[in-house]
Every structure is written in structure tokens, then in C-alpha cells.
């Protein structure tokens, strides 16, 4: 039989579990349900990293290696663009995945 997780335990597991509980409209979810939600989110995070984070980091590294950016952070527009892509869009992507958005 599946172990049930109560809402206080779920809170320590994060948004994935809280969304799962809200979806069920109840105070309990099974460990298998929680594991399935976390697996989906982890898959999404890996896809985001492959499509945006790793290529972006490589581009920024190449710009620095070629001397096209200075040692001072955020004095070129491309550094701000990279920050917004990495931080803000990455956060939105992770949040959407944890809330089971399409």
C-alpha cells in the first residue's frame, strides 16, 4: 500500500507536491504521485538546460575568451540579456513545470 503524505510533509517537498495536493482537492497524496510529479519537473528542467542554459553559457564563455566582454559584470548589453534569459526565464520555466503547466 502507498504511504500517504500529509500537507505539512508535502510543504517541505516544495511546489510540486503542493500543486499535486491542490489538484486532488484533498489533504493527502501518495509517494508514487509525488514521485511522478517530481520526475516530470526534473525532465523539464533538463530540457531547459539543454536548450537554453548550456548554449547560453557557452556563448558567454566564448565572448569572454575572445575579449569581447570586459571583466566588469553587466557593463555590456549582452550580459544583461544573458542574465534575463538565465535567471528570469529559467525561473518562469521551473515555476511553470512545478505547477504542472503545459
C-alpha atoms as a PDB file:
ATOM      1  CA  UNK A   1       0.000   0.000   0.000  1.00  0.00           C
ATOM      2  CA  UNK A   2       1.201   3.515  -0.769  1.00  0.00           C
ATOM      3  CA  UNK A   3       2.307   5.726   2.071  1.00  0.00           C
ATOM      4  CA  UNK A   4       0.194   8.873   2.302  1.00  0.00           C
ATOM      5  CA  UNK A   5       1.875  12.234   2.750  1.00  0.00           C
ATOM      6  CA  UNK A   6       0.088  14.918   4.739  1.00  0.00           C
ATOM      7  CA  UNK A   7       0.118  18.582   3.808  1.00  0.00           C
ATOM      8  CA  UNK A   8       2.810  19.604   6.322  1.00  0.00           C
ATOM      9  CA  UNK A   9       5.170  16.934   4.949  1.00  0.00           C
ATOM     10  CA  UNK A  10       4.290  17.991   1.418  1.00  0.00           C
ATOM     11  CA  UNK A  11       5.228  21.602   2.119  1.00  0.00           C
ATOM     12  CA  UNK A  12       8.785  20.512   2.817  1.00  0.00           C
ATOM     13  CA  UNK A  13       8.889  18.806  -0.600  1.00  0.00           C
ATOM     14  CA  UNK A  14       8.025  22.014  -2.435  1.00  0.00           C
ATOM     15  CA  UNK A  15       5.646  23.364  -5.039  1.00  0.00           C
ATOM     16  CA  UNK A  16       5.327  20.103  -6.969  1.00  0.00           C
ATOM     17  CA  UNK A  17       3.672  18.368  -4.076  1.00  0.00           C
ATOM     18  CA  UNK A  18       1.541  21.322  -3.086  1.00  0.00           C
ATOM     19  CA  UNK A  19       0.212  21.531  -6.655  1.00  0.00           C
ATOM     20  CA  UNK A  20      -0.486  17.813  -6.617  1.00  0.00           C
ATOM     21  CA  UNK A  21      -2.476  18.157  -3.409  1.00  0.00           C
ATOM     22  CA  UNK A  22      -4.433  21.083  -4.836  1.00  0.00           C
ATOM     23  CA  UNK A  23      -5.140  19.076  -7.989  1.00  0.00           C
ATOM     24  CA  UNK A  24      -6.618  16.280  -5.925  1.00  0.00           C
ATOM     25  CA  UNK A  25      -8.562  18.726  -3.751  1.00  0.00           C
ATOM     26  CA  UNK A  26      -7.575  16.852  -0.649  1.00  0.00           C
ATOM     27  CA  UNK A  27      -5.002  16.827   2.110  1.00  0.00           C
ATOM     28  CA  UNK A  28      -3.087  13.708   1.070  1.00  0.00           C
ATOM     29  CA  UNK A  29      -1.134  12.354  -1.899  1.00  0.00           C
ATOM     30  CA  UNK A  30       0.744   9.081  -2.326  1.00  0.00           C
ATOM     31  CA  UNK A  31       4.503   8.865  -2.634  1.00  0.00           C
ATOM     32  CA  UNK A  32       4.051   7.483  -6.168  1.00  0.00           C
ATOM     33  CA  UNK A  33       2.026  10.542  -7.195  1.00  0.00           C
ATOM     34  CA  UNK A  34       4.650  12.858  -5.739  1.00  0.00           C
ATOM     35  CA  UNK A  35       7.475  10.938  -7.435  1.00  0.00           C
ATOM     36  CA  UNK A  36       5.669  11.171 -10.790  1.00  0.00           C
ATOM     37  CA  UNK A  37       5.237  14.946 -10.423  1.00  0.00           C
ATOM     38  CA  UNK A  38       8.892  15.439  -9.470  1.00  0.00           C
ATOM     39  CA  UNK A  39      10.056  13.281 -12.382  1.00  0.00           C
ATOM     40  CA  UNK A  40       8.103  15.400 -14.856  1.00  0.00           C
ATOM     41  CA  UNK A  41       9.566  18.588 -13.433  1.00  0.00           C
ATOM     42  CA  UNK A  42      13.094  17.184 -13.484  1.00  0.00           C
ATOM     43  CA  UNK A  43      12.663  16.225 -17.140  1.00  0.00           C
ATOM     44  CA  UNK A  44      11.501  19.753 -17.957  1.00  0.00           C
ATOM     45  CA  UNK A  45      14.473  21.282 -16.142  1.00  0.00           C
ATOM     46  CA  UNK A  46      16.881  19.069 -18.099  1.00  0.00           C
ATOM     47  CA  UNK A  47      15.251  20.147 -21.381  1.00  0.00           C
ATOM     48  CA  UNK A  48      15.511  23.822 -20.409  1.00  0.00           C
ATOM     49  CA  UNK A  49      19.183  23.412 -19.528  1.00  0.00           C
ATOM     50  CA  UNK A  50      19.972  21.680 -22.834  1.00  0.00           C
ATOM     51  CA  UNK A  51      18.052  24.161 -24.980  1.00  0.00           C
ATOM     52  CA  UNK A  52      18.918  27.474 -23.278  1.00  0.00           C
ATOM     53  CA  UNK A  53      21.286  27.342 -20.296  1.00  0.00           C
ATOM     54  CA  UNK A  54      24.193  25.327 -21.735  1.00  0.00           C
ATOM     55  CA  UNK A  55      24.269  27.067 -25.149  1.00  0.00           C
ATOM     56  CA  UNK A  56      23.950  30.486 -23.481  1.00  0.00           C
ATOM     57  CA  UNK A  57      26.771  29.739 -21.082  1.00  0.00           C
ATOM     58  CA  UNK A  58      28.936  28.558 -23.991  1.00  0.00           C
ATOM     59  CA  UNK A  59      28.233  31.765 -25.942  1.00  0.00           C
ATOM     60  CA  UNK A  60      29.080  33.939 -22.945  1.00  0.00           C
ATOM     61  CA  UNK A  61      32.276  31.945 -22.352  1.00  0.00           C
ATOM     62  CA  UNK A  62      33.292  32.367 -25.989  1.00  0.00           C
ATOM     63  CA  UNK A  63      32.658  36.116 -25.847  1.00  0.00           C
ATOM     64  CA  UNK A  64      34.832  36.394 -22.757  1.00  0.00           C
ATOM     65  CA  UNK A  65      37.587  34.189 -24.244  1.00  0.00           C
ATOM     66  CA  UNK A  66      37.699  36.341 -27.375  1.00  0.00           C
ATOM     67  CA  UNK A  67      37.957  39.516 -25.298  1.00  0.00           C
ATOM     68  CA  UNK A  68      34.587  40.790 -26.490  1.00  0.00           C
ATOM     69  CA  UNK A  69      33.362  41.382 -22.931  1.00  0.00           C
ATOM     70  CA  UNK A  70      35.174  43.128 -20.131  1.00  0.00           C
ATOM     71  CA  UNK A  71      35.936  41.810 -16.657  1.00  0.00           C
ATOM     72  CA  UNK A  72      33.326  44.198 -15.226  1.00  0.00           C
ATOM     73  CA  UNK A  73      29.961  42.475 -14.856  1.00  0.00           C
ATOM     74  CA  UNK A  74      26.868  43.933 -16.517  1.00  0.00           C
ATOM     75  CA  UNK A  75      28.578  46.710 -18.453  1.00  0.00           C
ATOM     76  CA  UNK A  76      27.610  45.221 -21.826  1.00  0.00           C
ATOM     77  CA  UNK A  77      24.052  44.730 -23.006  1.00  0.00           C
ATOM     78  CA  UNK A  78      24.670  41.046 -23.844  1.00  0.00           C
ATOM     79  CA  UNK A  79      25.415  40.354 -20.167  1.00  0.00           C
ATOM     80  CA  UNK A  80      22.008  41.728 -19.203  1.00  0.00           C
ATOM     81  CA  UNK A  81      20.338  39.722 -21.959  1.00  0.00           C
ATOM     82  CA  UNK A  82      22.030  36.544 -20.715  1.00  0.00           C
ATOM     83  CA  UNK A  83      21.034  37.332 -17.127  1.00  0.00           C
ATOM     84  CA  UNK A  84      17.397  37.771 -18.099  1.00  0.00           C
ATOM     85  CA  UNK A  85      17.408  34.559 -20.118  1.00  0.00           C
ATOM     86  CA  UNK A  86      19.155  32.542 -17.422  1.00  0.00           C
ATOM     87  CA  UNK A  87      17.534  33.979 -14.319  1.00  0.00           C
ATOM     88  CA  UNK A  88      14.079  35.278 -15.169  1.00  0.00           C
ATOM     89  CA  UNK A  89      13.086  32.937 -17.994  1.00  0.00           C
ATOM     90  CA  UNK A  90      14.666  29.999 -16.186  1.00  0.00           C
ATOM     91  CA  UNK A  91      12.690  30.828 -13.058  1.00  0.00           C
ATOM     92  CA  UNK A  92       9.464  31.090 -15.050  1.00  0.00           C
ATOM     93  CA  UNK A  93      10.172  27.790 -16.716  1.00  0.00           C
ATOM     94  CA  UNK A  94      10.887  25.998 -13.426  1.00  0.00           C
ATOM     95  CA  UNK A  95       7.846  27.521 -11.776  1.00  0.00           C
ATOM     96  CA  UNK A  96       5.597  26.536 -14.676  1.00  0.00           C
ATOM     97  CA  UNK A  97       6.906  22.978 -14.571  1.00  0.00           C
ATOM     98  CA  UNK A  98       6.431  22.733 -10.827  1.00  0.00           C
ATOM     99  CA  UNK A  99       2.855  23.963 -11.190  1.00  0.00           C
ATOM    100  CA  UNK A 100       2.256  21.327 -13.899  1.00  0.00           C
ATOM    101  CA  UNK A 101       1.719  23.898 -16.630  1.00  0.00           C
ATOM    102  CA  UNK A 102       1.792  22.752 -20.259  1.00  0.00           C
END
